[in-house]
Amino acid sequence: MLFRSVLTVGWAKKVGAASAGLNFKYLSSSLDSNSASGIGFDFGLKMNPTEKLTTGIVLQDVASNRK
């Protein structure tokens, strides 16, 4: 039987025309007698340089570790 679980804790902050966010993830999965777990981080930055333009960048699974 396949079992997966994810626990995520996030934080975000707006500063002027920019917003930033960070997620911490704990991942776990198992299949029959095999299992794996690990941690990961996501980071995002969004900027509104003008009223009609929004730009952003996302880094997913930064420093992820799965065993």
Protein backbone atom coordinates (compact mmCIF):
# COMPACT_ATOMS: atom_id res chain seq x y z
CA MET A 1 0.00 0.00 0.00
CA LEU A 2 1.25 3.48 -0.90
CA PHE A 3 1.16 6.17 1.79
CA ARG A 4 2.30 9.80 1.40
CA SER A 5 2.17 12.75 3.78
CA VAL A 6 3.38 16.35 3.68
CA LEU A 7 3.51 18.88 6.50
CA THR A 8 4.01 22.48 5.36
CA VAL A 9 4.59 25.62 7.40
CA GLY A 10 4.69 28.92 5.54
CA TRP A 11 5.43 32.57 6.14
CA ALA A 12 4.93 35.65 3.92
CA LYS A 13 5.66 39.35 4.27
CA LYS A 14 4.81 42.37 2.12
CA VAL A 15 7.27 45.25 2.07
CA GLY A 16 6.34 48.17 -0.17
CA ALA A 17 5.88 46.91 -3.72
CA ALA A 18 7.48 43.52 -2.96
CA SER A 19 6.26 40.35 -1.27
CA ALA A 20 8.36 37.42 -0.09
CA GLY A 21 7.40 34.00 1.16
CA LEU A 22 9.08 30.92 2.59
CA ASN A 23 7.72 27.38 3.05
CA PHE A 24 9.23 24.58 5.11
CA LYS A 25 8.11 21.07 4.10
CA TYR A 26 8.45 17.70 5.76
CA LEU A 27 7.70 14.86 3.33
CA SER A 28 7.17 11.19 4.07
CA SER A 29 6.18 8.27 1.89
CA SER A 30 6.13 4.52 2.12
CA LEU A 31 5.37 1.62 -0.17
CA ASP A 32 5.02 -1.80 1.44
CA SER A 33 8.17 -2.19 3.59
CA ASN A 34 10.14 0.68 1.95
CA SER A 35 9.96 4.23 3.27
CA ALA A 36 11.54 7.64 2.70
CA SER A 37 11.36 11.03 4.37
CA GLY A 38 12.99 14.40 3.98
CA ILE A 39 12.74 18.15 4.28
CA GLY A 40 12.54 20.90 1.70
CA PHE A 41 12.24 24.66 1.42
CA ASP A 42 10.45 26.86 -1.11
CA PHE A 43 11.11 30.57 -1.55
CA GLY A 44 9.15 33.11 -3.57
CA LEU A 45 9.54 36.79 -4.36
CA LYS A 46 6.95 38.94 -6.16
CA MET A 47 7.41 42.55 -7.18
CA ASN A 48 5.06 45.15 -8.64
CA PRO A 49 7.42 47.69 -10.26
CA THR A 50 4.48 49.43 -11.95
CA GLU A 51 0.70 49.28 -11.62
CA LYS A 52 0.36 47.10 -14.74
CA LEU A 53 3.44 44.89 -14.33
CA THR A 54 4.02 42.11 -11.83
CA THR A 55 7.16 39.96 -11.81
CA GLY A 56 8.19 37.09 -9.61
CA ILE A 57 10.57 34.24 -9.01
CA VAL A 58 10.11 30.93 -7.20
CA LEU A 59 12.78 28.52 -5.98
CA GLN A 60 11.29 25.13 -5.13
CA ASP A 61 12.83 22.32 -3.09
CA VAL A 62 15.86 24.40 -2.09
CA ALA A 63 18.12 22.24 0.08
CA SER A 64 15.74 19.30 -0.16
CA ASN A 65 16.94 16.15 1.51
CA ARG A 66 15.24 12.83 0.90
CA LYS A 67 16.33 9.54 2.43
